[in-house]
Amino acid sequence: QVQLVESGGGLVQAGGSLRLSCAASGRTFNMYSVGWFRQAPGKDREFVTTIRKTDGMTDYADSVKGRFTISTDNAENTMYLQMNSLKPEDTAVYYCAASRKYYTDSYYYRLQISYDSWGQGTQVTVSS
């Protein structure tokens, strides 16, 4: 089992930036992919981005493409989400997740069911 702990959330003005971190511990050697999801008030949790650790393949939701960047520090078992040009509609609880499943098609990493471990979430609030 992998334990995930997010940090870095907070309150920021529109147009600002935040960097979220997700520290992994436990059986991290069998994580094939890690990702970020978010859940806004009154909405379902949705896919934000993912990165496959074996080759660095990334995928982004259209709503964040060009503004958000996912990265990993494999030596530290930490992943990051750099969020720039933030908008009020980015306000949500952000969750990191890890998958033990290997898919060649990145589409499957957009699905929550593909992930085995989840963090507790960190709140991001963007004021207008």
N, C-alpha and C. Protein backbone atom coordinates (compact mmCIF):
# COMPACT_ATOMS: atom_id res chain seq x y z
N GLN A 1 0.84 -1.19 0.00
CA GLN A 1 0.00 0.00 0.00
C GLN A 1 0.88 1.25 0.00
N VAL A 2 0.40 2.27 -0.68
CA VAL A 2 1.11 3.54 -0.77
C VAL A 2 0.33 4.58 0.01
N GLN A 3 1.04 5.36 0.80
CA GLN A 3 0.42 6.48 1.51
C GLN A 3 0.82 7.78 0.82
N LEU A 4 -0.15 8.66 0.63
CA LEU A 4 0.06 9.92 -0.08
C LEU A 4 -0.38 11.07 0.80
N VAL A 5 0.45 12.10 0.85
CA VAL A 5 0.12 13.29 1.65
C VAL A 5 0.35 14.53 0.81
N GLU A 6 -0.72 15.30 0.59
CA GLU A 6 -0.62 16.53 -0.19
C GLU A 6 -0.31 17.72 0.72
N SER A 7 0.29 18.73 0.12
CA SER A 7 0.52 20.00 0.81
C SER A 7 0.63 21.10 -0.23
N GLY A 8 0.58 22.34 0.23
CA GLY A 8 0.78 23.47 -0.66
C GLY A 8 -0.46 24.22 -1.07
N GLY A 9 -1.61 23.75 -0.65
CA GLY A 9 -2.83 24.46 -0.99
C GLY A 9 -2.92 25.79 -0.25
N GLY A 10 -3.90 26.60 -0.64
CA GLY A 10 -4.09 27.88 0.02
C GLY A 10 -4.98 28.79 -0.77
N LEU A 11 -4.94 30.07 -0.39
CA LEU A 11 -5.75 31.10 -1.02
C LEU A 11 -4.85 31.96 -1.90
N VAL A 12 -5.28 32.16 -3.14
CA VAL A 12 -4.48 32.96 -4.07
C VAL A 12 -5.42 33.78 -4.93
N GLN A 13 -4.95 34.92 -5.40
CA GLN A 13 -5.76 35.75 -6.29
C GLN A 13 -5.72 35.20 -7.71
N ALA A 14 -6.75 35.50 -8.46
CA ALA A 14 -6.78 35.10 -9.87
C ALA A 14 -5.55 35.63 -10.58
N GLY A 15 -4.98 34.77 -11.41
CA GLY A 15 -3.75 35.11 -12.12
C GLY A 15 -2.50 34.69 -11.39
N GLY A 16 -2.64 34.29 -10.13
CA GLY A 16 -1.50 33.89 -9.33
C GLY A 16 -1.11 32.43 -9.55
N SER A 17 -0.14 31.98 -8.76
CA SER A 17 0.40 30.64 -8.90
C SER A 17 0.46 29.94 -7.54
N LEU A 18 0.39 28.63 -7.59
CA LEU A 18 0.60 27.77 -6.43
C LEU A 18 1.31 26.51 -6.89
N ARG A 19 2.05 25.91 -5.99
CA ARG A 19 2.64 24.60 -6.28
C ARG A 19 2.21 23.63 -5.19
N LEU A 20 1.54 22.59 -5.62
CA LEU A 20 1.13 21.52 -4.72
C LEU A 20 2.19 20.42 -4.72
N SER A 21 2.36 19.81 -3.57
CA SER A 21 3.28 18.68 -3.43
C SER A 21 2.50 17.47 -2.95
N CYS A 22 3.01 16.30 -3.30
CA CYS A 22 2.41 15.04 -2.85
C CYS A 22 3.55 14.09 -2.51
N ALA A 23 3.69 13.80 -1.23
CA ALA A 23 4.76 12.91 -0.78
C ALA A 23 4.22 11.49 -0.65
N ALA A 24 4.94 10.55 -1.23
CA ALA A 24 4.53 9.15 -1.20
C ALA A 24 5.43 8.36 -0.28
N SER A 25 4.84 7.41 0.42
CA SER A 25 5.61 6.50 1.28
C SER A 25 4.98 5.12 1.19
N GLY A 26 5.70 4.13 1.69
CA GLY A 26 5.20 2.77 1.63
C GLY A 26 5.75 2.05 0.40
N ARG A 27 4.92 1.25 -0.24
CA ARG A 27 5.34 0.42 -1.36
C ARG A 27 5.34 1.23 -2.66
N THR A 28 6.20 2.23 -2.71
CA THR A 28 6.22 3.14 -3.86
C THR A 28 6.86 2.53 -5.10
N PHE A 29 7.57 1.41 -4.96
CA PHE A 29 8.30 0.85 -6.09
C PHE A 29 7.38 0.35 -7.19
N ASN A 30 6.12 0.06 -6.84
CA ASN A 30 5.21 -0.46 -7.86
C ASN A 30 4.18 0.56 -8.30
N MET A 31 4.50 1.85 -8.20
CA MET A 31 3.63 2.89 -8.73
C MET A 31 3.99 3.12 -10.19
N TYR A 32 3.09 2.86 -11.09
CA TYR A 32 3.36 3.11 -12.50
C TYR A 32 3.02 4.53 -12.91
N SER A 33 2.00 5.08 -12.29
CA SER A 33 1.56 6.41 -12.67
C SER A 33 1.02 7.14 -11.45
N VAL A 34 1.17 8.44 -11.45
CA VAL A 34 0.58 9.28 -10.42
C VAL A 34 -0.21 10.38 -11.09
N GLY A 35 -1.19 10.88 -10.38
CA GLY A 35 -2.04 11.89 -10.99
C GLY A 35 -2.65 12.83 -9.97
N TRP A 36 -3.28 13.86 -10.48
CA TRP A 36 -4.01 14.83 -9.67
C TRP A 36 -5.45 14.90 -10.15
N PHE A 37 -6.35 14.93 -9.19
CA PHE A 37 -7.77 15.13 -9.45
C PHE A 37 -8.22 16.29 -8.57
N ARG A 38 -9.39 16.83 -8.86
CA ARG A 38 -9.92 17.89 -8.03
C ARG A 38 -11.43 17.79 -7.92
N GLN A 39 -11.96 18.33 -6.83
CA GLN A 39 -13.41 18.33 -6.61
C GLN A 39 -13.83 19.69 -6.12
N ALA A 40 -14.61 20.37 -6.95
CA ALA A 40 -15.17 21.66 -6.60
C ALA A 40 -16.46 21.45 -5.81
N PRO A 41 -16.87 22.45 -5.03
CA PRO A 41 -18.10 22.32 -4.24
C PRO A 41 -19.30 21.99 -5.12
N GLY A 42 -20.02 20.94 -4.73
CA GLY A 42 -21.22 20.55 -5.45
C GLY A 42 -20.98 19.83 -6.76
N LYS A 43 -19.72 19.50 -7.04
CA LYS A 43 -19.41 18.82 -8.29
C LYS A 43 -18.70 17.51 -8.03
N ASP A 44 -18.68 16.66 -9.05
CA ASP A 44 -17.96 15.40 -8.95
C ASP A 44 -16.46 15.64 -9.03
N ARG A 45 -15.70 14.70 -8.49
CA ARG A 45 -14.25 14.78 -8.62
C ARG A 45 -13.87 14.56 -10.08
N GLU A 46 -12.93 15.36 -10.57
CA GLU A 46 -12.55 15.28 -11.97
C GLU A 46 -11.05 15.17 -12.15
N PHE A 47 -10.68 14.61 -13.28
CA PHE A 47 -9.27 14.44 -13.65
C PHE A 47 -8.64 15.79 -13.95
N VAL A 48 -7.39 15.97 -13.49
CA VAL A 48 -6.62 17.16 -13.80
C VAL A 48 -5.42 16.82 -14.68
N THR A 49 -4.57 15.91 -14.19
CA THR A 49 -3.36 15.56 -14.93
C THR A 49 -2.77 14.28 -14.39
N THR A 50 -1.93 13.64 -15.21
CA THR A 50 -1.26 12.44 -14.79
C THR A 50 0.11 12.37 -15.43
N ILE A 51 1.01 11.61 -14.82
CA ILE A 51 2.33 11.36 -15.38
C ILE A 51 2.69 9.90 -15.15
N ARG A 52 3.14 9.23 -16.22
CA ARG A 52 3.56 7.84 -16.10
C ARG A 52 5.03 7.83 -15.73
N LYS A 53 5.35 7.20 -14.62
CA LYS A 53 6.69 7.29 -14.07
C LYS A 53 7.73 6.59 -14.93
N THR A 54 7.34 5.60 -15.70
CA THR A 54 8.31 4.83 -16.47
C THR A 54 8.92 5.63 -17.61
N ASP A 55 8.13 6.51 -18.21
CA ASP A 55 8.64 7.24 -19.37
C ASP A 55 8.30 8.72 -19.37
N GLY A 56 7.67 9.20 -18.31
CA GLY A 56 7.35 10.62 -18.21
C GLY A 56 6.18 11.07 -19.06
N MET A 57 5.44 10.14 -19.64
CA MET A 57 4.26 10.50 -20.43
C MET A 57 3.29 11.29 -19.57
N THR A 58 2.80 12.42 -20.07
CA THR A 58 1.85 13.24 -19.34
C THR A 58 0.56 13.42 -20.12
N ASP A 59 -0.48 13.74 -19.39
CA ASP A 59 -1.78 14.02 -19.98
C ASP A 59 -2.45 15.07 -19.10
N TYR A 60 -3.15 16.01 -19.73
CA TYR A 60 -3.79 17.09 -19.00
C TYR A 60 -5.24 17.25 -19.45
N ALA A 61 -6.08 17.63 -18.51
CA ALA A 61 -7.44 18.03 -18.88
C ALA A 61 -7.35 19.31 -19.70
N ASP A 62 -8.25 19.47 -20.63
CA ASP A 62 -8.24 20.66 -21.49
C ASP A 62 -8.32 21.94 -20.67
N SER A 63 -9.02 21.89 -19.55
CA SER A 63 -9.24 23.10 -18.74
C SER A 63 -7.97 23.63 -18.09
N VAL A 64 -6.94 22.79 -17.98
CA VAL A 64 -5.70 23.22 -17.31
C VAL A 64 -4.50 23.19 -18.24
N LYS A 65 -4.67 22.69 -19.45
CA LYS A 65 -3.55 22.55 -20.37
C LYS A 65 -2.92 23.91 -20.65
N GLY A 66 -1.61 23.97 -20.56
CA GLY A 66 -0.89 25.22 -20.77
C GLY A 66 -0.73 26.06 -19.53
N ARG A 67 -1.46 25.72 -18.47
CA ARG A 67 -1.36 26.48 -17.21
C ARG A 67 -0.77 25.65 -16.07
N PHE A 68 -1.07 24.37 -16.07
CA PHE A 68 -0.61 23.46 -15.01
C PHE A 68 0.49 22.55 -15.54
N THR A 69 1.42 22.19 -14.67
CA THR A 69 2.49 21.27 -15.04
C THR A 69 2.69 20.25 -13.93
N ILE A 70 2.67 18.98 -14.29
CA ILE A 70 2.94 17.91 -13.33
C ILE A 70 4.37 17.46 -13.47
N SER A 71 4.99 17.13 -12.35
CA SER A 71 6.36 16.64 -12.37
C SER A 71 6.57 15.71 -11.19
N THR A 72 7.65 14.94 -11.25
CA THR A 72 7.97 14.04 -10.15
C THR A 72 9.45 14.13 -9.81
N ASP A 73 9.74 13.87 -8.56
CA ASP A 73 11.11 13.69 -8.11
C ASP A 73 11.18 12.25 -7.59
N ASN A 74 11.58 11.35 -8.46
CA ASN A 74 11.53 9.93 -8.11
C ASN A 74 12.43 9.59 -6.94
N ALA A 75 13.56 10.31 -6.83
CA ALA A 75 14.47 10.03 -5.73
C ALA A 75 13.82 10.36 -4.39
N GLU A 76 12.94 11.36 -4.40
CA GLU A 76 12.28 11.78 -3.17
C GLU A 76 10.87 11.22 -3.04
N ASN A 77 10.43 10.46 -4.05
CA ASN A 77 9.05 9.93 -4.04
C ASN A 77 8.04 11.05 -3.82
N THR A 78 8.25 12.12 -4.55
CA THR A 78 7.36 13.28 -4.43
C THR A 78 6.91 13.70 -5.81
N MET A 79 5.67 14.11 -5.93
CA MET A 79 5.22 14.68 -7.18
C MET A 79 4.67 16.08 -6.91
N TYR A 80 4.66 16.87 -7.97
CA TYR A 80 4.29 18.27 -7.84
C TYR A 80 3.25 18.64 -8.89
N LEU A 81 2.49 19.66 -8.56
CA LEU A 81 1.56 20.25 -9.52
C LEU A 81 1.79 21.75 -9.46
N GLN A 82 2.45 22.28 -10.49
CA GLN A 82 2.67 23.71 -10.61
C GLN A 82 1.45 24.31 -11.31
N MET A 83 0.79 25.23 -10.65
CA MET A 83 -0.43 25.83 -11.19
C MET A 83 -0.20 27.32 -11.41
N ASN A 84 -0.24 27.74 -12.65
CA ASN A 84 -0.05 29.14 -13.01
C ASN A 84 -1.34 29.71 -13.61
N SER A 85 -1.41 31.02 -13.67
CA SER A 85 -2.57 31.70 -14.25
C SER A 85 -3.87 31.16 -13.68
N LEU A 86 -3.93 31.05 -12.38
CA LEU A 86 -5.08 30.44 -11.73
C LEU A 86 -6.34 31.26 -11.94
N LYS A 87 -7.46 30.55 -12.05
CA LYS A 87 -8.76 31.16 -12.26
C LYS A 87 -9.69 30.78 -11.11
N PRO A 88 -10.72 31.57 -10.84
CA PRO A 88 -11.67 31.20 -9.78
C PRO A 88 -12.25 29.80 -9.97
N GLU A 89 -12.44 29.38 -11.21
CA GLU A 89 -13.00 28.05 -11.46
C GLU A 89 -12.02 26.92 -11.15
N ASP A 90 -10.78 27.26 -10.79
CA ASP A 90 -9.83 26.23 -10.33
C ASP A 90 -10.01 25.93 -8.86
N THR A 91 -10.86 26.69 -8.18
CA THR A 91 -11.11 26.45 -6.76
C THR A 91 -11.68 25.06 -6.54
N ALA A 92 -11.01 24.29 -5.69
CA ALA A 92 -11.41 22.90 -5.46
C ALA A 92 -10.49 22.30 -4.40
N VAL A 93 -10.87 21.12 -3.95
CA VAL A 93 -9.96 20.29 -3.17
C VAL A 93 -9.19 19.44 -4.17
N TYR A 94 -7.88 19.48 -4.07
CA TYR A 94 -7.01 18.75 -5.00
C TYR A 94 -6.48 17.49 -4.32
N TYR A 95 -6.59 16.38 -5.04
CA TYR A 95 -6.17 15.08 -4.53
C TYR A 95 -5.07 14.50 -5.42
N CYS A 96 -4.04 13.94 -4.82
CA CYS A 96 -3.09 13.17 -5.60
C CYS A 96 -3.45 11.69 -5.47
N ALA A 97 -3.05 10.93 -6.47
CA ALA A 97 -3.40 9.52 -6.52
C ALA A 97 -2.28 8.75 -7.20
N ALA A 98 -2.18 7.47 -6.86
CA ALA A 98 -1.14 6.61 -7.42
C ALA A 98 -1.77 5.34 -7.97
N SER A 99 -1.23 4.88 -9.09
CA SER A 99 -1.76 3.69 -9.75
C SER A 99 -0.69 2.62 -9.87
N ARG A 100 -1.06 1.37 -9.54
CA ARG A 100 -0.17 0.23 -9.72
C ARG A 100 -0.40 -0.44 -11.08
N LYS A 101 -1.28 0.11 -11.86
CA LYS A 101 -1.65 -0.49 -13.14
C LYS A 101 -0.87 0.18 -14.27
N TYR A 102 -0.44 -0.64 -15.24
CA TYR A 102 0.27 -0.10 -16.40
C TYR A 102 -0.65 -0.11 -17.60
N TYR A 103 -0.84 1.05 -18.19
CA TYR A 103 -1.62 1.18 -19.42
C TYR A 103 -0.77 1.88 -20.47
N THR A 104 -0.84 1.39 -21.70
CA THR A 104 -0.15 2.08 -22.78
C THR A 104 -0.96 3.28 -23.25
N ASP A 105 -2.26 3.20 -23.10
CA ASP A 105 -3.16 4.28 -23.50
C ASP A 105 -3.40 5.20 -22.31
N SER A 106 -2.97 6.44 -22.43
CA SER A 106 -3.07 7.38 -21.30
C SER A 106 -4.51 7.66 -20.89
N TYR A 107 -5.45 7.35 -21.76
CA TYR A 107 -6.86 7.59 -21.44
C TYR A 107 -7.25 6.95 -20.11
N TYR A 108 -6.73 5.74 -19.86
CA TYR A 108 -7.15 5.02 -18.66
C TYR A 108 -6.69 5.70 -17.38
N TYR A 109 -5.64 6.52 -17.46
CA TYR A 109 -5.18 7.24 -16.27
C TYR A 109 -6.05 8.46 -15.99
N ARG A 110 -7.01 8.74 -16.85
CA ARG A 110 -7.99 9.78 -16.58
C ARG A 110 -9.14 9.26 -15.69
N LEU A 111 -9.18 7.98 -15.49
CA LEU A 111 -10.27 7.35 -14.76
C LEU A 111 -9.89 7.12 -13.31
N GLN A 112 -10.75 7.50 -12.38
CA GLN A 112 -10.45 7.35 -10.96
C GLN A 112 -10.29 5.88 -10.58
N ILE A 113 -11.01 5.02 -11.24
CA ILE A 113 -10.94 3.60 -10.92
C ILE A 113 -9.57 3.01 -11.20
N SER A 114 -8.74 3.69 -11.99
CA SER A 114 -7.41 3.19 -12.31
C SER A 114 -6.42 3.40 -11.17
N TYR A 115 -6.79 4.16 -10.16
CA TYR A 115 -5.89 4.51 -9.08
C TYR A 115 -6.19 3.71 -7.82
N ASP A 116 -5.11 3.32 -7.14
CA ASP A 116 -5.22 2.46 -5.97
C ASP A 116 -5.08 3.20 -4.65
N SER A 117 -4.38 4.31 -4.67
CA SER A 117 -4.12 5.04 -3.43
C SER A 117 -4.44 6.51 -3.64
N TRP A 118 -4.98 7.14 -2.60
CA TRP A 118 -5.38 8.54 -2.67
C TRP A 118 -4.89 9.29 -1.43
N GLY A 119 -4.57 10.56 -1.64
CA GLY A 119 -4.27 11.42 -0.52
C GLY A 119 -5.54 11.97 0.09
N GLN A 120 -5.38 12.77 1.12
CA GLN A 120 -6.53 13.28 1.85
C GLN A 120 -7.08 14.57 1.24
N GLY A 121 -6.30 15.18 0.34
CA GLY A 121 -6.75 16.39 -0.33
C GLY A 121 -6.21 17.65 0.29
N THR A 122 -6.06 18.68 -0.53
CA THR A 122 -5.63 19.99 -0.07
C THR A 122 -6.48 21.04 -0.78
N GLN A 123 -6.94 22.03 -0.03
CA GLN A 123 -7.85 23.03 -0.57
C GLN A 123 -7.09 24.12 -1.32
N VAL A 124 -7.57 24.42 -2.50
CA VAL A 124 -7.07 25.55 -3.29
C VAL A 124 -8.25 26.48 -3.54
N THR A 125 -8.08 27.73 -3.15
CA THR A 125 -9.13 28.73 -3.34
C THR A 125 -8.55 29.89 -4.13
N VAL A 126 -9.19 30.21 -5.24
CA VAL A 126 -8.75 31.31 -6.11
C VAL A 126 -9.80 32.40 -6.05
N SER A 127 -9.40 33.56 -5.58
CA SER A 127 -10.35 34.68 -5.46
C SER A 127 -10.29 35.54 -6.71
N SER A 128 -11.43 36.12 -7.04
CA SER A 128 -11.50 36.94 -8.26
C SER A 128 -11.16 38.39 -7.96
